[in-house]
Amino acid sequence: MAIASKSIEELLGDEAEDLLTHECETIPKDKLHVPSSSFVDDVFMQTDRNPRVLKNLQALLDHGRLGGTGYVSILPVDQGIEHSAGASFAPNPDYFDPENILKLAIEGGCNGVATTFGVLGSVARKYAHKIPFIVKLNHNELMTYPNNYNQIMFGTVDRAFDMGATAVGATIYFGSQESSRQIQEVARAFERAHELGMATILWCYTRNSAFKVDGTDYHSAADLTGQANHLGVTIQADIVKQKQPTLNGGYRALNKGDSSYGKLDEDIYDELSSDHPIDLTRYQVANSYMGRSGLINSGGASGDNDFEQVIRTAVINKRAGGMGLITGRKAFQRPMEEGIRILNFIQDVYLDDDITVA
């Protein structure tokens, strides 16, 4: 059976019933600020954001196939820097040309496109009025030898504003030695973006080699990523991007023996979450001010079962109370028509009224 003819249930396979019928018994859904057509009125009208920020947030939420639902589907293409252009675009060299990135986002029905100063600047006059621009301010350049994992600024907020951006994005490597500088740098940038009327999106990534304990990688643990989200919304990220959790217990693992890291309460694991993927993601939403700042999960690297993976991620995100998906490599490393289909598949999850918040 061709992927395009499969239903969401078929793509979820053996997990379909569990993922589609699960009800959270940890943090109840009535405690959340769930995405809706009136999300800006219901949530952001209470904040200190100025009218221009509200206007741009609404513009982002109103664009594309998900326009008016409160959910977002964003195409991010910063991998040319973060993972090197050759490695990122070799599967489909058409995307060395920035215009094709914009075409994919538009034809794919996305709410916005998140990419670099160079990409957006090269086609700004042709496309700034056709799709919301999200300018990524900082990147991890991958040329230093040996590789040095550090986010550095590639441009200014004012330049993003002059380019016609609706929002700016940035990454912080929470837990890294450079995180204190990055937090202060991005906090200043987000303050300036809000002054100018742009929305803010933060890639809240964890990074520290110590987060790998006894062969287990806790970079995607719900407790650590949840705290990263909480730091992100503290510097007023309107939307946080996070990897979907695959396990829990990062703080537990890092506090074994004589080691001491951070603070934890056992209720994190016993009351506020469970081993279920929807409950783990619900904990991320809770740390994003109970959804006042929208949680978008990343789609991950491309592979052989991309359609199945993105549907699973989207269902978990939506049912957990998240705001949507931000998917790049799974879309742009394919022929454009296939990339459009995979973006539309993701959007179909959020357009399906039968898939509800758990």
Protein backbone atom coordinates (compact mmCIF):
# COMPACT_ATOMS: atom_id res chain seq x y z
CA MET A 1 0.00 0.00 0.00
CA ALA A 2 1.38 3.44 -0.91
CA ILE A 3 2.12 5.74 2.04
CA ALA A 4 -0.13 8.45 0.61
CA SER A 5 -3.16 6.15 0.81
CA LYS A 6 -2.61 5.06 4.42
CA SER A 7 -4.67 6.44 7.28
CA ILE A 8 -3.23 7.92 10.46
CA GLU A 9 -4.20 4.72 12.30
CA GLU A 10 -2.37 2.56 9.76
CA LEU A 11 0.75 4.70 9.98
CA LEU A 12 0.73 4.42 13.78
CA GLY A 13 0.63 0.64 13.46
CA ASP A 14 0.54 -1.35 16.69
CA GLU A 15 0.63 1.86 18.76
CA ALA A 16 -2.52 3.31 17.21
CA GLU A 17 -5.04 2.39 19.89
CA ASP A 18 -2.72 3.32 22.74
CA LEU A 19 -1.74 6.70 21.32
CA LEU A 20 -5.21 7.66 20.11
CA THR A 21 -7.17 6.64 23.21
CA HIS A 22 -4.76 7.37 26.06
CA GLU A 23 -6.02 9.73 28.78
CA CYS A 24 -3.53 11.58 30.95
CA GLU A 25 -3.89 10.87 34.65
CA THR A 26 -0.87 12.98 35.56
CA ILE A 27 -1.44 16.67 34.72
CA PRO A 28 -5.09 17.01 33.64
CA LYS A 29 -5.89 18.74 30.37
CA ASP A 30 -8.17 21.30 32.05
CA LYS A 31 -5.06 22.82 33.63
CA LEU A 32 -3.58 23.57 30.21
CA HIS A 33 -3.80 26.52 27.84
CA VAL A 34 -4.59 24.51 24.73
CA PRO A 35 -4.08 25.90 21.19
CA SER A 36 -7.26 27.29 19.65
CA SER A 37 -8.47 29.83 17.11
CA SER A 38 -8.58 32.44 19.91
CA PHE A 39 -5.19 31.60 21.45
CA VAL A 40 -3.73 35.11 21.07
CA ASP A 41 -6.86 36.66 22.62
CA ASP A 42 -7.05 34.08 25.40
CA VAL A 43 -3.38 33.91 26.36
CA PHE A 44 -1.17 36.63 24.92
CA MET A 45 -3.62 39.49 25.48
CA GLN A 46 -2.85 39.04 29.21
CA THR A 47 0.90 39.51 28.72
CA ASP A 48 3.21 42.51 28.40
CA ARG A 49 3.62 41.90 24.64
CA ASN A 50 2.91 45.05 22.64
CA PRO A 51 0.24 45.21 19.91
CA ARG A 52 2.81 44.62 17.15
CA VAL A 53 3.88 41.31 18.74
CA LEU A 54 0.24 40.26 19.03
CA LYS A 55 -0.28 41.12 15.38
CA ASN A 56 2.72 39.07 14.26
CA LEU A 57 1.80 36.10 16.46
CA GLN A 58 -1.67 36.16 14.95
CA ALA A 59 -0.19 36.40 11.44
CA LEU A 60 1.91 33.30 12.12
CA LEU A 61 -1.08 31.39 13.51
CA ASP A 62 -3.33 32.47 10.63
CA HIS A 63 -1.06 31.37 7.78
CA GLY A 64 -1.03 28.11 5.81
CA ARG A 65 -3.22 25.03 6.02
CA LEU A 66 -3.39 25.25 9.82
CA GLY A 67 -4.37 28.93 9.77
CA GLY A 68 -7.03 29.71 12.36
CA THR A 69 -6.59 26.50 14.37
CA GLY A 70 -4.00 27.70 16.89
CA TYR A 71 -1.58 25.03 15.67
CA VAL A 72 1.57 25.55 13.62
CA SER A 73 3.59 23.62 11.06
CA ILE A 74 6.97 25.27 10.50
CA LEU A 75 9.71 24.41 8.00
CA PRO A 76 13.16 24.96 9.58
CA VAL A 77 16.24 24.94 7.36
CA ASP A 78 19.35 25.98 9.29
CA GLN A 79 21.08 22.64 8.76
CA GLY A 80 23.36 24.13 6.11
CA ILE A 81 25.25 25.66 9.02
CA GLU A 82 24.35 23.35 11.89
CA HIS A 83 25.14 20.11 10.00
CA SER A 84 27.09 21.50 6.99
CA ALA A 85 25.52 22.32 3.64
CA GLY A 86 27.06 19.37 1.82
CA ALA A 87 25.78 16.79 4.28
CA SER A 88 22.36 18.43 4.50
CA PHE A 89 21.68 19.11 0.82
CA ALA A 90 23.48 16.19 -0.85
CA PRO A 91 20.24 14.11 -0.80
CA ASN A 92 18.54 16.91 -2.78
CA PRO A 93 20.94 19.55 -4.16
CA ASP A 94 18.01 21.74 -5.28
CA TYR A 95 17.98 23.17 -1.75
CA PHE A 96 21.38 24.79 -2.16
CA ASP A 97 19.18 27.42 -3.87
CA PRO A 98 17.38 29.35 -1.09
CA GLU A 99 14.32 30.03 -3.23
CA ASN A 100 13.42 26.34 -3.21
CA ILE A 101 13.30 26.42 0.60
CA LEU A 102 10.70 29.19 0.43
CA LYS A 103 8.77 27.37 -2.30
CA LEU A 104 8.63 24.18 -0.22
CA ALA A 105 7.29 26.07 2.82
CA ILE A 106 4.63 27.82 0.75
CA GLU A 107 3.55 24.83 -1.34
CA GLY A 108 3.66 22.66 1.78
CA GLY A 109 1.09 24.88 3.52
CA CYS A 110 3.37 25.86 6.41
CA ASN A 111 2.61 28.66 8.87
CA GLY A 112 6.14 29.98 8.48
CA VAL A 113 9.70 29.25 7.41
CA ALA A 114 12.60 29.39 9.89
CA THR A 115 16.01 29.77 8.35
CA THR A 116 19.15 31.89 8.16
CA PHE A 117 19.86 35.56 7.48
CA GLY A 118 21.47 34.52 4.21
CA VAL A 119 18.61 32.38 2.93
CA LEU A 120 15.86 34.86 3.77
CA GLY A 121 17.89 37.90 2.78
CA SER A 122 18.59 36.46 -0.66
CA VAL A 123 14.87 36.34 -1.55
CA ALA A 124 13.33 38.76 0.97
CA ARG A 125 11.71 41.20 -1.47
CA LYS A 126 10.05 38.37 -3.38
CA TYR A 127 8.70 36.38 -0.43
CA ALA A 128 8.49 38.45 2.80
CA HIS A 129 4.84 39.27 2.08
CA LYS A 130 3.96 35.72 1.03
CA ILE A 131 4.92 33.68 4.12
CA PRO A 132 5.97 34.64 7.67
CA PHE A 133 9.75 34.79 8.04
CA ILE A 134 11.37 33.42 11.21
CA VAL A 135 15.00 34.55 11.17
CA LYS A 136 17.34 32.24 13.07
CA LEU A 137 19.74 34.54 14.93
CA ASN A 138 22.43 32.13 16.12
CA HIS A 139 24.01 28.89 14.99
CA ASN A 140 26.60 26.29 15.83
CA GLU A 141 29.18 26.65 13.05
CA LEU A 142 30.72 23.31 12.19
CA MET A 143 34.07 24.40 10.72
CA THR A 144 36.23 24.77 13.84
CA TYR A 145 38.62 21.84 14.26
CA PRO A 146 38.04 19.94 16.40
CA ASN A 147 34.30 20.68 16.27
CA ASN A 148 33.26 23.16 18.94
CA TYR A 149 29.58 22.97 19.89
CA ASN A 150 28.61 26.54 20.69
CA GLN A 151 25.81 28.82 19.51
CA ILE A 152 27.05 32.20 18.28
CA MET A 153 25.18 35.17 16.82
CA PHE A 154 25.19 35.49 13.02
CA GLY A 155 23.30 38.79 12.81
CA THR A 156 21.21 41.33 14.68
CA VAL A 157 17.56 41.55 15.64
CA ASP A 158 17.32 44.91 13.90
CA ARG A 159 18.48 43.34 10.64
CA ALA A 160 15.79 40.68 10.97
CA PHE A 161 13.23 43.44 11.47
CA ASP A 162 14.45 45.30 8.37
CA MET A 163 14.08 42.06 6.41
CA GLY A 164 10.38 41.94 7.27
CA ALA A 165 10.54 39.09 9.78
CA THR A 166 7.45 38.04 11.70
CA ALA A 167 9.55 36.33 14.37
CA VAL A 168 13.10 35.56 15.37
CA GLY A 169 14.47 32.23 16.54
CA ALA A 170 17.51 31.23 18.57
CA THR A 171 19.08 28.17 20.18
CA ILE A 172 20.45 27.76 23.69
CA TYR A 173 22.44 24.68 24.70
CA PHE A 174 21.17 24.36 28.25
CA GLY A 175 23.62 22.52 30.47
CA SER A 176 26.68 23.40 28.39
CA GLN A 177 29.62 25.47 29.62
CA GLU A 178 28.53 28.25 27.25
CA SER A 179 24.88 28.30 28.38
CA SER A 180 25.22 31.28 30.76
CA ARG A 181 26.47 33.51 27.94
CA GLN A 182 23.88 32.16 25.52
CA ILE A 183 21.02 32.77 28.00
CA GLN A 184 22.06 36.39 28.50
CA GLU A 185 22.68 36.95 24.78
CA VAL A 186 19.35 35.49 23.70
CA ALA A 187 17.44 37.23 26.51
CA ARG A 188 18.70 40.59 25.24
CA ALA A 189 17.88 39.64 21.66
CA PHE A 190 14.34 38.55 22.58
CA GLU A 191 13.75 41.76 24.52
CA ARG A 192 14.76 43.77 21.46
CA ALA A 193 12.61 41.59 19.18
CA HIS A 194 9.56 42.22 21.35
CA GLU A 195 10.30 45.97 21.38
CA LEU A 196 10.25 45.90 17.57
CA GLY A 197 7.08 43.78 17.48
CA MET A 198 8.43 40.38 16.48
CA ALA A 199 7.51 37.07 18.10
CA THR A 200 10.21 34.84 19.62
CA ILE A 201 10.88 31.11 19.22
CA LEU A 202 13.55 29.32 21.26
CA TRP A 203 15.22 26.02 20.41
CA CYS A 204 15.59 24.73 24.02
CA TYR A 205 18.21 22.04 23.54
CA THR A 206 20.16 20.24 26.25
CA ARG A 207 23.85 19.57 25.65
CA ASN A 208 26.46 18.15 28.00
CA SER A 209 28.48 14.95 27.66
CA ALA A 210 27.68 14.24 31.34
CA PHE A 211 24.03 13.75 30.35
CA LYS A 212 25.06 10.32 29.03
CA VAL A 213 25.16 8.03 32.08
CA ASP A 214 26.08 4.34 32.03
CA GLY A 215 25.34 4.05 28.33
CA THR A 216 21.97 5.83 28.51
CA ASP A 217 21.51 9.21 26.82
CA TYR A 218 19.37 11.57 28.89
CA HIS A 219 19.48 14.55 26.49
CA SER A 220 15.84 13.81 25.62
CA ALA A 221 14.71 13.03 29.18
CA ALA A 222 11.42 14.68 30.09
CA ASP A 223 12.75 16.16 33.34
CA LEU A 224 15.83 17.77 31.76
CA THR A 225 14.07 19.00 28.60
CA GLY A 226 11.16 20.22 30.71
CA GLN A 227 13.52 22.37 32.79
CA ALA A 228 15.15 23.66 29.60
CA ASN A 229 11.68 24.72 28.43
CA HIS A 230 11.07 26.45 31.76
CA LEU A 231 14.28 28.45 31.39
CA GLY A 232 13.25 29.29 27.82
CA VAL A 233 9.89 30.75 28.77
CA THR A 234 11.59 32.65 31.59
CA ILE A 235 13.40 34.74 28.97
CA GLN A 236 10.01 35.21 27.27
CA ALA A 237 10.07 32.79 24.40
CA ASP A 238 6.58 32.91 22.89
CA ILE A 239 7.05 29.41 21.45
CA VAL A 240 9.57 26.77 22.53
CA LYS A 241 11.00 24.10 20.26
CA GLN A 242 12.02 20.88 21.97
CA LYS A 243 12.92 17.33 21.06
CA GLN A 244 10.12 15.00 22.06
CA PRO A 245 11.08 13.07 25.21
CA THR A 246 11.96 9.41 24.87
CA LEU A 247 12.60 8.66 28.56
CA ASN A 248 12.69 10.27 31.99
CA GLY A 249 14.98 10.25 35.02
CA GLY A 250 17.79 12.56 33.95
CA TYR A 251 18.06 14.18 37.36
CA ARG A 252 17.91 10.79 39.06
CA ALA A 253 20.75 9.44 36.91
CA LEU A 254 22.91 12.51 37.46
CA ASN A 255 22.42 12.36 41.23
CA LYS A 256 23.68 8.84 41.80
CA GLY A 257 26.37 8.22 44.37
CA ASP A 258 28.22 11.31 45.57
CA SER A 259 27.24 13.46 42.58
CA SER A 260 24.82 16.33 42.99
CA TYR A 261 23.12 18.05 40.08
CA GLY A 262 20.24 20.47 40.12
CA LYS A 263 17.18 19.77 42.25
CA LEU A 264 14.50 17.13 41.95
CA ASP A 265 11.30 15.98 43.60
CA GLU A 266 10.20 12.37 43.18
CA ASP A 267 6.71 13.63 42.28
CA ILE A 268 8.21 14.58 38.90
CA TYR A 269 8.28 10.88 38.09
CA ASP A 270 5.52 9.43 40.27
CA GLU A 271 2.76 12.07 40.02
CA LEU A 272 3.51 14.54 37.22
CA SER A 273 4.51 12.02 34.57
CA SER A 274 4.61 8.36 33.62
CA ASP A 275 6.41 6.23 31.06
CA HIS A 276 3.76 6.95 28.43
CA PRO A 277 5.06 9.23 25.61
CA ILE A 278 2.02 11.53 25.83
CA ASP A 279 2.52 11.98 29.58
CA LEU A 280 6.23 12.64 29.07
CA THR A 281 5.43 15.34 26.51
CA ARG A 282 2.66 16.72 28.76
CA TYR A 283 5.41 17.41 31.32
CA GLN A 284 7.22 19.52 28.69
CA VAL A 285 4.00 21.46 28.08
CA ALA A 286 3.56 22.01 31.82
CA ASN A 287 7.05 23.50 32.05
CA SER A 288 6.14 25.90 29.22
CA TYR A 289 3.80 27.72 31.64
CA MET A 290 1.09 25.08 31.17
CA GLY A 291 1.02 25.85 27.46
CA ARG A 292 0.95 29.65 27.68
CA SER A 293 4.08 29.43 25.52
CA GLY A 294 3.37 26.91 22.78
CA LEU A 295 5.41 23.70 22.62
CA ILE A 296 6.50 22.60 19.16
CA ASN A 297 8.41 19.33 18.84
CA SER A 298 11.07 18.65 16.24
CA GLY A 299 10.62 16.02 13.58
CA GLY A 300 14.13 14.59 13.84
CA ALA A 301 16.57 13.32 11.23
CA SER A 302 15.33 11.79 7.99
CA GLY A 303 15.22 8.01 7.54
CA ASP A 304 13.39 5.09 5.98
CA ASN A 305 10.15 5.48 7.98
CA ASP A 306 9.74 9.26 7.96
CA PHE A 307 5.96 9.25 7.39
CA GLU A 308 5.37 6.92 10.32
CA GLN A 309 7.72 8.88 12.58
CA VAL A 310 6.25 12.31 11.92
CA ILE A 311 2.68 11.08 12.34
CA ARG A 312 3.59 9.51 15.67
CA THR A 313 5.37 12.69 16.82
CA ALA A 314 2.47 14.90 15.74
CA VAL A 315 -0.16 12.74 17.46
CA ILE A 316 1.84 12.72 20.71
CA ASN A 317 2.43 16.47 20.56
CA LYS A 318 -1.21 17.32 19.88
CA ARG A 319 -2.63 14.93 22.46
CA ALA A 320 -0.12 16.21 25.05
CA GLY A 321 -1.34 19.79 24.53
CA GLY A 322 1.45 20.99 22.24
CA MET A 323 1.19 23.59 19.48
CA GLY A 324 2.63 21.73 16.51
CA LEU A 325 5.66 20.39 14.72
CA ILE A 326 8.77 21.92 13.18
CA THR A 327 10.11 19.54 10.54
CA GLY A 328 13.02 20.14 8.18
CA ARG A 329 15.23 17.29 6.99
CA LYS A 330 12.36 14.85 6.58
CA ALA A 331 10.88 17.30 4.06
CA PHE A 332 13.75 19.01 2.23
CA GLN A 333 15.94 15.91 1.82
CA ARG A 334 13.27 14.49 -0.52
CA PRO A 335 11.99 15.54 -3.94
CA MET A 336 9.76 18.58 -3.44
CA GLU A 337 6.48 16.75 -4.11
CA GLU A 338 7.34 14.18 -1.43
CA GLY A 339 8.38 16.93 0.95
CA ILE A 340 5.03 18.66 0.44
CA ARG A 341 3.20 15.40 1.15
CA ILE A 342 5.05 14.81 4.41
CA LEU A 343 4.29 18.36 5.59
CA ASN A 344 0.63 17.90 4.65
CA PHE A 345 0.51 14.58 6.53
CA ILE A 346 1.69 16.37 9.68
CA GLN A 347 -0.90 19.11 9.23
CA ASP A 348 -3.66 16.53 8.75
CA VAL A 349 -3.12 15.35 12.33
CA TYR A 350 -3.83 18.84 13.66
CA LEU A 351 -6.80 19.28 11.33
CA ASP A 352 -8.37 16.01 12.50
CA ASP A 353 -11.02 16.85 15.11
CA ASP A 354 -11.10 13.21 16.24
CA ILE A 355 -7.56 13.52 17.58
CA THR A 356 -8.10 15.38 20.84
CA VAL A 357 -6.04 16.50 23.82
CA ALA A 358 -5.60 13.54 26.18
